[in-house]
């Protein structure tokens, strides 16, 4: 589980740190932890839909729980996820590829 530390972020960035940067920090940390786990041959599943208050109480988290993930060995190899075309994500001119 990855939680926010809003007051630490607020020390330097005020309300924006408290409300936005602390959430970004927690999600970035979670993402890098997932990548490290995969590099070790483990599998993960991002869990973002949970009752924050219940989870916070159970684990005794001081900050807001933002994300948690399961960790273990996959029973099967999943199919690769489809990806959106770059034109759907970014605006602007892109060089044509052949």
PDB file of N, CA and C in Angstrom:
ATOM      1  N   UNK A   1       0.839  -1.167   0.000  1.00  0.00           N
ATOM      2  CA  UNK A   1       0.000   0.000   0.000  1.00  0.00           C
ATOM      3  C   UNK A   1       0.889   1.236   0.000  1.00  0.00           C
ATOM      4  N   UNK A   2       0.432   2.241  -0.712  1.00  0.00           N
ATOM      5  CA  UNK A   2       1.151   3.511  -0.786  1.00  0.00           C
ATOM      6  C   UNK A   2       0.200   4.619  -0.365  1.00  0.00           C
ATOM      7  N   UNK A   3       0.680   5.436   0.560  1.00  0.00           N
ATOM      8  CA  UNK A   3      -0.151   6.484   1.147  1.00  0.00           C
ATOM      9  C   UNK A   3       0.467   7.856   0.907  1.00  0.00           C
ATOM     10  N   UNK A   4      -0.362   8.851   1.019  1.00  0.00           N
ATOM     11  CA  UNK A   4       0.115  10.223   0.898  1.00  0.00           C
ATOM     12  C   UNK A   4       0.803  10.651   2.188  1.00  0.00           C
ATOM     13  N   UNK A   5       1.615  11.672   2.070  1.00  0.00           N
ATOM     14  CA  UNK A   5       2.196  12.357   3.225  1.00  0.00           C
ATOM     15  C   UNK A   5       1.950  13.842   2.967  1.00  0.00           C
ATOM     16  N   UNK A   6       0.678  14.256   3.120  1.00  0.00           N
ATOM     17  CA  UNK A   6       0.296  15.610   2.689  1.00  0.00           C
ATOM     18  C   UNK A   6       1.037  16.735   3.396  1.00  0.00           C
ATOM     19  N   UNK A   7       1.312  16.583   4.670  1.00  0.00           N
ATOM     20  CA  UNK A   7       1.979  17.680   5.382  1.00  0.00           C
ATOM     21  C   UNK A   7       3.434  17.829   4.946  1.00  0.00           C
ATOM     22  N   UNK A   8       4.080  16.725   4.626  1.00  0.00           N
ATOM     23  CA  UNK A   8       5.466  16.813   4.129  1.00  0.00           C
ATOM     24  C   UNK A   8       5.490  17.564   2.800  1.00  0.00           C
ATOM     25  N   UNK A   9       4.543  17.238   1.923  1.00  0.00           N
ATOM     26  CA  UNK A   9       4.482  17.932   0.634  1.00  0.00           C
ATOM     27  C   UNK A   9       4.101  19.392   0.802  1.00  0.00           C
ATOM     28  N   UNK A  10       3.267  19.670   1.791  1.00  0.00           N
ATOM     29  CA  UNK A  10       2.812  21.049   2.017  1.00  0.00           C
ATOM     30  C   UNK A  10       3.921  21.937   2.554  1.00  0.00           C
ATOM     31  N   UNK A  11       4.920  21.350   3.220  1.00  0.00           N
ATOM     32  CA  UNK A  11       6.007  22.157   3.772  1.00  0.00           C
ATOM     33  C   UNK A  11       6.675  23.003   2.695  1.00  0.00           C
ATOM     34  N   UNK A  12       6.828  22.421   1.526  1.00  0.00           N
ATOM     35  CA  UNK A  12       7.509  23.136   0.454  1.00  0.00           C
ATOM     36  C   UNK A  12       6.540  23.759  -0.554  1.00  0.00           C
ATOM     37  N   UNK A  13       5.396  23.084  -0.782  1.00  0.00           N
ATOM     38  CA  UNK A  13       4.521  23.497  -1.881  1.00  0.00           C
ATOM     39  C   UNK A  13       3.137  23.975  -1.455  1.00  0.00           C
ATOM     40  N   UNK A  14       2.885  24.068  -0.172  1.00  0.00           N
ATOM     41  CA  UNK A  14       1.605  24.580   0.309  1.00  0.00           C
ATOM     42  C   UNK A  14       0.440  23.671  -0.053  1.00  0.00           C
ATOM     43  N   UNK A  15      -0.712  24.306  -0.338  1.00  0.00           N
ATOM     44  CA  UNK A  15      -1.924  23.540  -0.632  1.00  0.00           C
ATOM     45  C   UNK A  15      -1.768  22.629  -1.847  1.00  0.00           C
ATOM     46  N   UNK A  16      -1.060  23.091  -2.872  1.00  0.00           N
ATOM     47  CA  UNK A  16      -0.877  22.260  -4.069  1.00  0.00           C
ATOM     48  C   UNK A  16      -0.104  20.978  -3.716  1.00  0.00           C
ATOM     49  N   UNK A  17       0.885  21.100  -2.855  1.00  0.00           N
ATOM     50  CA  UNK A  17       1.630  19.930  -2.402  1.00  0.00           C
ATOM     51  C   UNK A  17       0.757  18.993  -1.599  1.00  0.00           C
ATOM     52  N   UNK A  18      -0.038  19.570  -0.703  1.00  0.00           N
ATOM     53  CA  UNK A  18      -0.923  18.785   0.160  1.00  0.00           C
ATOM     54  C   UNK A  18      -1.963  18.031  -0.665  1.00  0.00           C
ATOM     55  N   UNK A  19      -2.583  18.704  -1.614  1.00  0.00           N
ATOM     56  CA  UNK A  19      -3.724  18.131  -2.334  1.00  0.00           C
ATOM     57  C   UNK A  19      -3.346  17.365  -3.597  1.00  0.00           C
ATOM     58  N   UNK A  20      -2.258  17.748  -4.268  1.00  0.00           N
ATOM     59  CA  UNK A  20      -1.910  17.114  -5.536  1.00  0.00           C
ATOM     60  C   UNK A  20      -0.588  16.359  -5.486  1.00  0.00           C
ATOM     61  N   UNK A  21       0.475  17.035  -5.103  1.00  0.00           N
ATOM     62  CA  UNK A  21       1.798  16.415  -5.174  1.00  0.00           C
ATOM     63  C   UNK A  21       1.915  15.191  -4.267  1.00  0.00           C
ATOM     64  N   UNK A  22       1.257  15.216  -3.118  1.00  0.00           N
ATOM     65  CA  UNK A  22       1.335  14.054  -2.226  1.00  0.00           C
ATOM     66  C   UNK A  22       0.696  12.823  -2.880  1.00  0.00           C
ATOM     67  N   UNK A  23      -0.373  13.021  -3.628  1.00  0.00           N
ATOM     68  CA  UNK A  23      -1.017  11.909  -4.349  1.00  0.00           C
ATOM     69  C   UNK A  23      -0.116  11.449  -5.493  1.00  0.00           C
ATOM     70  N   UNK A  24       0.460  12.392  -6.212  1.00  0.00           N
ATOM     71  CA  UNK A  24       1.376  12.026  -7.293  1.00  0.00           C
ATOM     72  C   UNK A  24       2.575  11.252  -6.751  1.00  0.00           C
ATOM     73  N   UNK A  25       3.127  11.699  -5.636  1.00  0.00           N
ATOM     74  CA  UNK A  25       4.273  11.008  -5.044  1.00  0.00           C
ATOM     75  C   UNK A  25       3.928   9.561  -4.697  1.00  0.00           C
ATOM     76  N   UNK A  26       2.764   9.345  -4.105  1.00  0.00           N
ATOM     77  CA  UNK A  26       2.360   7.991  -3.713  1.00  0.00           C
ATOM     78  C   UNK A  26       2.156   7.098  -4.934  1.00  0.00           C
ATOM     79  N   UNK A  27       1.544   7.624  -5.984  1.00  0.00           N
ATOM     80  CA  UNK A  27       1.304   6.800  -7.170  1.00  0.00           C
ATOM     81  C   UNK A  27       2.605   6.524  -7.928  1.00  0.00           C
ATOM     82  N   UNK A  28       3.502   7.492  -7.962  1.00  0.00           N
ATOM     83  CA  UNK A  28       4.799   7.268  -8.615  1.00  0.00           C
ATOM     84  C   UNK A  28       5.584   6.208  -7.847  1.00  0.00           C
ATOM     85  N   UNK A  29       5.598   6.303  -6.525  1.00  0.00           N
ATOM     86  CA  UNK A  29       6.304   5.306  -5.714  1.00  0.00           C
ATOM     87  C   UNK A  29       5.718   3.917  -5.947  1.00  0.00           C
ATOM     88  N   UNK A  30       4.393   3.829  -5.994  1.00  0.00           N
ATOM     89  CA  UNK A  30       3.750   2.542  -6.249  1.00  0.00           C
ATOM     90  C   UNK A  30       4.104   1.977  -7.606  1.00  0.00           C
ATOM     91  N   UNK A  31       4.133   2.830  -8.603  1.00  0.00           N
ATOM     92  CA  UNK A  31       4.473   2.393  -9.960  1.00  0.00           C
ATOM     93  C   UNK A  31       5.898   1.853 -10.018  1.00  0.00           C
ATOM     94  N   UNK A  32       6.836   2.564  -9.409  1.00  0.00           N
ATOM     95  CA  UNK A  32       8.221   2.094  -9.421  1.00  0.00           C
ATOM     96  C   UNK A  32       8.376   0.796  -8.627  1.00  0.00           C
ATOM     97  N   UNK A  33       7.629   0.642  -7.555  1.00  0.00           N
ATOM     98  CA  UNK A  33       7.675  -0.608  -6.794  1.00  0.00           C
ATOM     99  C   UNK A  33       7.150  -1.767  -7.643  1.00  0.00           C
ATOM    100  N   UNK A  34       6.107  -1.516  -8.408  1.00  0.00           N
ATOM    101  CA  UNK A  34       5.573  -2.550  -9.299  1.00  0.00           C
ATOM    102  C   UNK A  34       6.607  -2.932 -10.355  1.00  0.00           C
ATOM    103  N   UNK A  35       7.257  -1.954 -10.943  1.00  0.00           N
ATOM    104  CA  UNK A  35       8.285  -2.246 -11.951  1.00  0.00           C
ATOM    105  C   UNK A  35       9.437  -3.044 -11.344  1.00  0.00           C
ATOM    106  N   UNK A  36       9.830  -2.700 -10.132  1.00  0.00           N
ATOM    107  CA  UNK A  36      10.899  -3.442  -9.465  1.00  0.00           C
ATOM    108  C   UNK A  36      10.470  -4.885  -9.198  1.00  0.00           C
ATOM    109  N   UNK A  37       9.218  -5.082  -8.801  1.00  0.00           N
ATOM    110  CA  UNK A  37       8.715  -6.434  -8.549  1.00  0.00           C
ATOM    111  C   UNK A  37       8.740  -7.266  -9.830  1.00  0.00           C
ATOM    112  N   UNK A  38       8.297  -6.685 -10.924  1.00  0.00           N
ATOM    113  CA  UNK A  38       8.304  -7.395 -12.210  1.00  0.00           C
ATOM    114  C   UNK A  38       9.735  -7.734 -12.612  1.00  0.00           C
ATOM    115  N   UNK A  39      10.654  -6.831 -12.361  1.00  0.00           N
ATOM    116  CA  UNK A  39      12.061  -7.085 -12.668  1.00  0.00           C
ATOM    117  C   UNK A  39      12.601  -8.279 -11.873  1.00  0.00           C
ATOM    118  N   UNK A  40      12.007  -8.537 -10.715  1.00  0.00           N
ATOM    119  CA  UNK A  40      12.400  -9.675  -9.880  1.00  0.00           C
ATOM    120  C   UNK A  40      11.636 -10.953 -10.247  1.00  0.00           C
ATOM    121  N   UNK A  41      10.796 -10.877 -11.285  1.00  0.00           N
ATOM    122  CA  UNK A  41      10.054 -12.053 -11.725  1.00  0.00           C
ATOM    123  C   UNK A  41       8.706 -12.237 -11.057  1.00  0.00           C
ATOM    124  N   UNK A  42       8.249 -11.216 -10.342  1.00  0.00           N
ATOM    125  CA  UNK A  42       6.946 -11.281  -9.682  1.00  0.00           C
ATOM    126  C   UNK A  42       5.885 -10.612 -10.550  1.00  0.00           C
ATOM    127  N   UNK A  43       4.652 -10.821 -10.188  1.00  0.00           N
ATOM    128  CA  UNK A  43       3.533 -10.173 -10.882  1.00  0.00           C
ATOM    129  C   UNK A  43       2.792  -9.301  -9.878  1.00  0.00           C
ATOM    130  N   UNK A  44       2.160  -8.263 -10.383  1.00  0.00           N
ATOM    131  CA  UNK A  44       1.403  -7.350  -9.531  1.00  0.00           C
ATOM    132  C   UNK A  44       0.088  -6.994 -10.204  1.00  0.00           C
ATOM    133  N   UNK A  45      -0.845  -6.563  -9.385  1.00  0.00           N
ATOM    134  CA  UNK A  45      -2.120  -6.047  -9.881  1.00  0.00           C
ATOM    135  C   UNK A  45      -2.439  -4.788  -9.083  1.00  0.00           C
ATOM    136  N   UNK A  46      -2.602  -3.680  -9.791  1.00  0.00           N
ATOM    137  CA  UNK A  46      -2.915  -2.385  -9.180  1.00  0.00           C
ATOM    138  C   UNK A  46      -4.343  -2.423  -8.666  1.00  0.00           C
ATOM    139  N   UNK A  47      -4.537  -2.041  -7.410  1.00  0.00           N
ATOM    140  CA  UNK A  47      -5.874  -1.971  -6.819  1.00  0.00           C
ATOM    141  C   UNK A  47      -6.096  -0.528  -6.380  1.00  0.00           C
ATOM    142  N   UNK A  48      -7.036   0.123  -7.018  1.00  0.00           N
ATOM    143  CA  UNK A  48      -7.313   1.507  -6.687  1.00  0.00           C
ATOM    144  C   UNK A  48      -8.716   1.734  -6.145  1.00  0.00           C
ATOM    145  N   UNK A  49      -9.559   0.703  -6.213  1.00  0.00           N
ATOM    146  CA  UNK A  49     -10.950   0.827  -5.769  1.00  0.00           C
ATOM    147  C   UNK A  49     -11.107   0.111  -4.433  1.00  0.00           C
ATOM    148  N   UNK A  50     -11.059   0.880  -3.353  1.00  0.00           N
ATOM    149  CA  UNK A  50     -11.193   0.322  -2.017  1.00  0.00           C
ATOM    150  C   UNK A  50     -11.702   1.409  -1.082  1.00  0.00           C
ATOM    151  N   UNK A  51     -12.188   1.006   0.068  1.00  0.00           N
ATOM    152  CA  UNK A  51     -12.675   1.947   1.071  1.00  0.00           C
ATOM    153  C   UNK A  51     -11.468   2.508   1.815  1.00  0.00           C
ATOM    154  N   UNK A  52     -11.107   3.732   1.504  1.00  0.00           N
ATOM    155  CA  UNK A  52      -9.890   4.340   2.052  1.00  0.00           C
ATOM    156  C   UNK A  52      -9.866   4.330   3.578  1.00  0.00           C
ATOM    157  N   UNK A  53     -10.954   4.722   4.200  1.00  0.00           N
ATOM    158  CA  UNK A  53     -10.972   4.836   5.660  1.00  0.00           C
ATOM    159  C   UNK A  53     -10.824   3.473   6.329  1.00  0.00           C
ATOM    160  N   UNK A  54     -11.517   2.470   5.806  1.00  0.00           N
ATOM    161  CA  UNK A  54     -11.406   1.122   6.381  1.00  0.00           C
ATOM    162  C   UNK A  54      -9.986   0.594   6.254  1.00  0.00           C
ATOM    163  N   UNK A  55      -9.391   0.754   5.084  1.00  0.00           N
ATOM    164  CA  UNK A  55      -8.025   0.273   4.867  1.00  0.00           C
ATOM    165  C   UNK A  55      -7.054   1.035   5.755  1.00  0.00           C
ATOM    166  N   UNK A  56      -7.216   2.327   5.848  1.00  0.00           N
ATOM    167  CA  UNK A  56      -6.329   3.139   6.677  1.00  0.00           C
ATOM    168  C   UNK A  56      -6.360   2.662   8.120  1.00  0.00           C
ATOM    169  N   UNK A  57      -7.549   2.378   8.643  1.00  0.00           N
ATOM    170  CA  UNK A  57      -7.685   1.913  10.023  1.00  0.00           C
ATOM    171  C   UNK A  57      -7.055   0.537  10.220  1.00  0.00           C
ATOM    172  N   UNK A  58      -7.276  -0.377   9.277  1.00  0.00           N
ATOM    173  CA  UNK A  58      -6.758  -1.739   9.409  1.00  0.00           C
ATOM    174  C   UNK A  58      -5.237  -1.753   9.457  1.00  0.00           C
ATOM    175  N   UNK A  59      -4.598  -0.983   8.593  1.00  0.00           N
ATOM    176  CA  UNK A  59      -3.129  -1.009   8.540  1.00  0.00           C
ATOM    177  C   UNK A  59      -2.479   0.078   9.394  1.00  0.00           C
ATOM    178  N   UNK A  60      -3.270   0.981   9.929  1.00  0.00           N
ATOM    179  CA  UNK A  60      -2.721   2.040  10.770  1.00  0.00           C
ATOM    180  C   UNK A  60      -1.953   3.081   9.982  1.00  0.00           C
ATOM    181  N   UNK A  61      -2.372   3.315   8.750  1.00  0.00           N
ATOM    182  CA  UNK A  61      -1.682   4.280   7.894  1.00  0.00           C
ATOM    183  C   UNK A  61      -1.948   5.701   8.382  1.00  0.00           C
ATOM    184  N   UNK A  62      -0.902   6.518   8.517  1.00  0.00           N
ATOM    185  CA  UNK A  62      -1.104   7.898   8.952  1.00  0.00           C
ATOM    186  C   UNK A  62      -1.645   8.790   7.845  1.00  0.00           C
ATOM    187  N   UNK A  63      -1.348   8.477   6.597  1.00  0.00           N
ATOM    188  CA  UNK A  63      -1.800   9.293   5.474  1.00  0.00           C
ATOM    189  C   UNK A  63      -2.961   8.634   4.747  1.00  0.00           C
ATOM    190  N   UNK A  64      -3.331   9.228   3.648  1.00  0.00           N
ATOM    191  CA  UNK A  64      -4.428   8.715   2.830  1.00  0.00           C
ATOM    192  C   UNK A  64      -3.927   7.570   1.952  1.00  0.00           C
ATOM    193  N   UNK A  65      -4.504   6.356   2.068  1.00  0.00           N
ATOM    194  CA  UNK A  65      -4.130   5.277   1.165  1.00  0.00           C
ATOM    195  C   UNK A  65      -4.586   5.623  -0.247  1.00  0.00           C
ATOM    196  N   UNK A  66      -3.669   5.577  -1.186  1.00  0.00           N
ATOM    197  CA  UNK A  66      -3.984   5.946  -2.566  1.00  0.00           C
ATOM    198  C   UNK A  66      -4.042   4.724  -3.459  1.00  0.00           C
ATOM    199  N   UNK A  67      -3.107   3.818  -3.269  1.00  0.00           N
ATOM    200  CA  UNK A  67      -3.062   2.621  -4.109  1.00  0.00           C
ATOM    201  C   UNK A  67      -2.446   1.471  -3.312  1.00  0.00           C
ATOM    202  N   UNK A  68      -2.892   0.287  -3.659  1.00  0.00           N
ATOM    203  CA  UNK A  68      -2.246  -0.911  -3.137  1.00  0.00           C
ATOM    204  C   UNK A  68      -2.202  -1.905  -4.286  1.00  0.00           C
ATOM    205  N   UNK A  69      -1.347  -2.888  -4.160  1.00  0.00           N
ATOM    206  CA  UNK A  69      -1.324  -3.907  -5.198  1.00  0.00           C
ATOM    207  C   UNK A  69      -1.006  -5.259  -4.599  1.00  0.00           C
ATOM    208  N   UNK A  70      -1.516  -6.277  -5.271  1.00  0.00           N
ATOM    209  CA  UNK A  70      -1.184  -7.633  -4.866  1.00  0.00           C
ATOM    210  C   UNK A  70       0.165  -7.976  -5.486  1.00  0.00           C
ATOM    211  N   UNK A  71       0.831  -8.927  -4.887  1.00  0.00           N
ATOM    212  CA  UNK A  71       2.181  -9.275  -5.307  1.00  0.00           C
ATOM    213  C   UNK A  71       2.340 -10.784  -5.195  1.00  0.00           C
ATOM    214  N   UNK A  72       2.854 -11.402  -6.228  1.00  0.00           N
ATOM    215  CA  UNK A  72       3.070 -12.839  -6.183  1.00  0.00           C
ATOM    216  C   UNK A  72       3.538 -13.360  -7.527  1.00  0.00           C
ATOM    217  N   UNK A  73       3.416 -14.672  -7.685  1.00  0.00           N
ATOM    218  CA  UNK A  73       3.797 -15.307  -8.944  1.00  0.00           C
ATOM    219  C   UNK A  73       2.537 -15.582  -9.748  1.00  0.00           C
ATOM    220  N   UNK A  74       2.550 -15.213 -11.016  1.00  0.00           N
ATOM    221  CA  UNK A  74       1.388 -15.394 -11.882  1.00  0.00           C
ATOM    222  C   UNK A  74       1.166 -16.875 -12.169  1.00  0.00           C
ATOM    223  N   UNK A  75      -0.100 -17.281 -12.174  1.00  0.00           N
ATOM    224  CA  UNK A  75      -0.453 -18.663 -12.507  1.00  0.00           C
ATOM    225  C   UNK A  75      -0.425 -18.883 -14.014  1.00  0.00           C
ATOM    226  N   UNK A  76      -0.526 -17.803 -14.765  1.00  0.00           N
ATOM    227  CA  UNK A  76      -0.508 -17.888 -16.230  1.00  0.00           C
ATOM    228  C   UNK A  76       0.058 -16.608 -16.804  1.00  0.00           C
ATOM    229  N   UNK A  77       0.462 -16.652 -18.049  1.00  0.00           N
ATOM    230  CA  UNK A  77       1.014 -15.483 -18.737  1.00  0.00           C
ATOM    231  C   UNK A  77      -0.136 -14.706 -19.378  1.00  0.00           C
ATOM    232  N   UNK A  78      -0.386 -13.470 -18.946  1.00  0.00           N
ATOM    233  CA  UNK A  78      -1.487 -12.701 -19.537  1.00  0.00           C
ATOM    234  C   UNK A  78      -1.149 -12.240 -20.949  1.00  0.00           C
ATOM    235  N   UNK A  79      -2.186 -11.999 -21.730  1.00  0.00           N
ATOM    236  CA  UNK A  79      -2.002 -11.419 -23.061  1.00  0.00           C
ATOM    237  C   UNK A  79      -1.604  -9.953 -22.891  1.00  0.00           C
ATOM    238  N   UNK A  80      -0.764  -9.435 -23.774  1.00  0.00           N
ATOM    239  CA  UNK A  80      -0.398  -8.021 -23.689  1.00  0.00           C
ATOM    240  C   UNK A  80      -1.634  -7.131 -23.817  1.00  0.00           C
ATOM    241  N   UNK A  81      -1.659  -6.080 -23.038  1.00  0.00           N
ATOM    242  CA  UNK A  81      -2.770  -5.119 -23.103  1.00  0.00           C
ATOM    243  C   UNK A  81      -2.659  -4.294 -24.374  1.00  0.00           C
ATOM    244  N   UNK A  82      -3.784  -3.949 -24.940  1.00  0.00           N
ATOM    245  CA  UNK A  82      -3.787  -3.059 -26.103  1.00  0.00           C
ATOM    246  C   UNK A  82      -3.356  -1.665 -25.702  1.00  0.00           C
ATOM    247  N   UNK A  83      -2.770  -0.967 -26.597  1.00  0.00           N
ATOM    248  CA  UNK A  83      -2.314   0.398 -26.324  1.00  0.00           C
ATOM    249  C   UNK A  83      -3.022   1.375 -27.243  1.00  0.00           C
ATOM    250  N   UNK A  84      -3.270   2.549 -26.722  1.00  0.00           N
ATOM    251  CA  UNK A  84      -3.881   3.603 -27.533  1.00  0.00           C
ATOM    252  C   UNK A  84      -2.842   4.168 -28.492  1.00  0.00           C
ATOM    253  N   UNK A  85      -3.310   4.606 -29.639  1.00  0.00           N
ATOM    254  CA  UNK A  85      -2.426   5.243 -30.617  1.00  0.00           C
ATOM    255  C   UNK A  85      -1.923   6.561 -30.039  1.00  0.00           C
ATOM    256  N   UNK A  86      -0.711   6.926 -30.380  1.00  0.00           N
ATOM    257  CA  UNK A  86      -0.123   8.159 -29.848  1.00  0.00           C
ATOM    258  C   UNK A  86      -0.976   9.380 -30.199  1.00  0.00           C
ATOM    259  N   UNK A  87      -1.641   9.347 -31.344  1.00  0.00           N
ATOM    260  CA  UNK A  87      -2.495  10.472 -31.749  1.00  0.00           C
ATOM    261  C   UNK A  87      -3.689  10.649 -30.813  1.00  0.00           C
ATOM    262  N   UNK A  88      -4.077   9.599 -30.109  1.00  0.00           N
ATOM    263  CA  UNK A  88      -5.182   9.688 -29.153  1.00  0.00           C
ATOM    264  C   UNK A  88      -4.741  10.314 -27.830  1.00  0.00           C
ATOM    265  N   UNK A  89      -3.446  10.279 -27.571  1.00  0.00           N
ATOM    266  CA  UNK A  89      -2.928  10.729 -26.279  1.00  0.00           C
ATOM    267  C   UNK A  89      -2.372  12.145 -26.351  1.00  0.00           C
ATOM    268  N   UNK A  90      -1.652  12.447 -27.426  1.00  0.00           N
ATOM    269  CA  UNK A  90      -1.007  13.748 -27.579  1.00  0.00           C
ATOM    270  C   UNK A  90      -1.601  14.500 -28.756  1.00  0.00           C
ATOM    271  N   UNK A  91      -1.551  15.817 -28.649  1.00  0.00           N
ATOM    272  CA  UNK A  91      -1.991  16.632 -29.779  1.00  0.00           C
ATOM    273  C   UNK A  91      -0.739  17.237 -30.431  1.00  0.00           C
ATOM    274  N   UNK A  92      -0.859  17.534 -31.684  1.00  0.00           N
ATOM    275  CA  UNK A  92       0.275  18.123 -32.388  1.00  0.00           C
ATOM    276  C   UNK A  92       0.584  17.349 -33.641  1.00  0.00           C
ATOM    277  N   UNK A  93       1.620  17.783 -34.319  1.00  0.00           N
ATOM    278  CA  UNK A  93       2.027  17.121 -35.557  1.00  0.00           C
ATOM    279  C   UNK A  93       3.019  16.011 -35.238  1.00  0.00           C
ATOM    280  N   UNK A  94       2.812  14.884 -35.880  1.00  0.00           N
ATOM    281  CA  UNK A  94       3.698  13.737 -35.698  1.00  0.00           C
ATOM    282  C   UNK A  94       4.263  13.344 -37.048  1.00  0.00           C
ATOM    283  N   UNK A  95       5.506  12.954 -37.077  1.00  0.00           N
ATOM    284  CA  UNK A  95       6.083  12.494 -38.340  1.00  0.00           C
ATOM    285  C   UNK A  95       5.380  11.210 -38.802  1.00  0.00           C
ATOM    286  N   UNK A  96       5.220  11.071 -40.070  1.00  0.00           N
ATOM    287  CA  UNK A  96       4.604   9.871 -40.633  1.00  0.00           C
ATOM    288  C   UNK A  96       5.602   8.728 -40.563  1.00  0.00           C
ATOM    289  N   UNK A  97       5.095   7.557 -40.211  1.00  0.00           N
ATOM    290  CA  UNK A  97       5.948   6.360 -40.178  1.00  0.00           C
ATOM    291  C   UNK A  97       5.490   5.411 -41.272  1.00  0.00           C
ATOM    292  N   UNK A  98       6.427   4.681 -41.805  1.00  0.00           N
ATOM    293  CA  UNK A  98       6.100   3.711 -42.848  1.00  0.00           C
ATOM    294  C   UNK A  98       6.018   2.320 -42.298  1.00  0.00           C
TER     295      UNK A  98
END
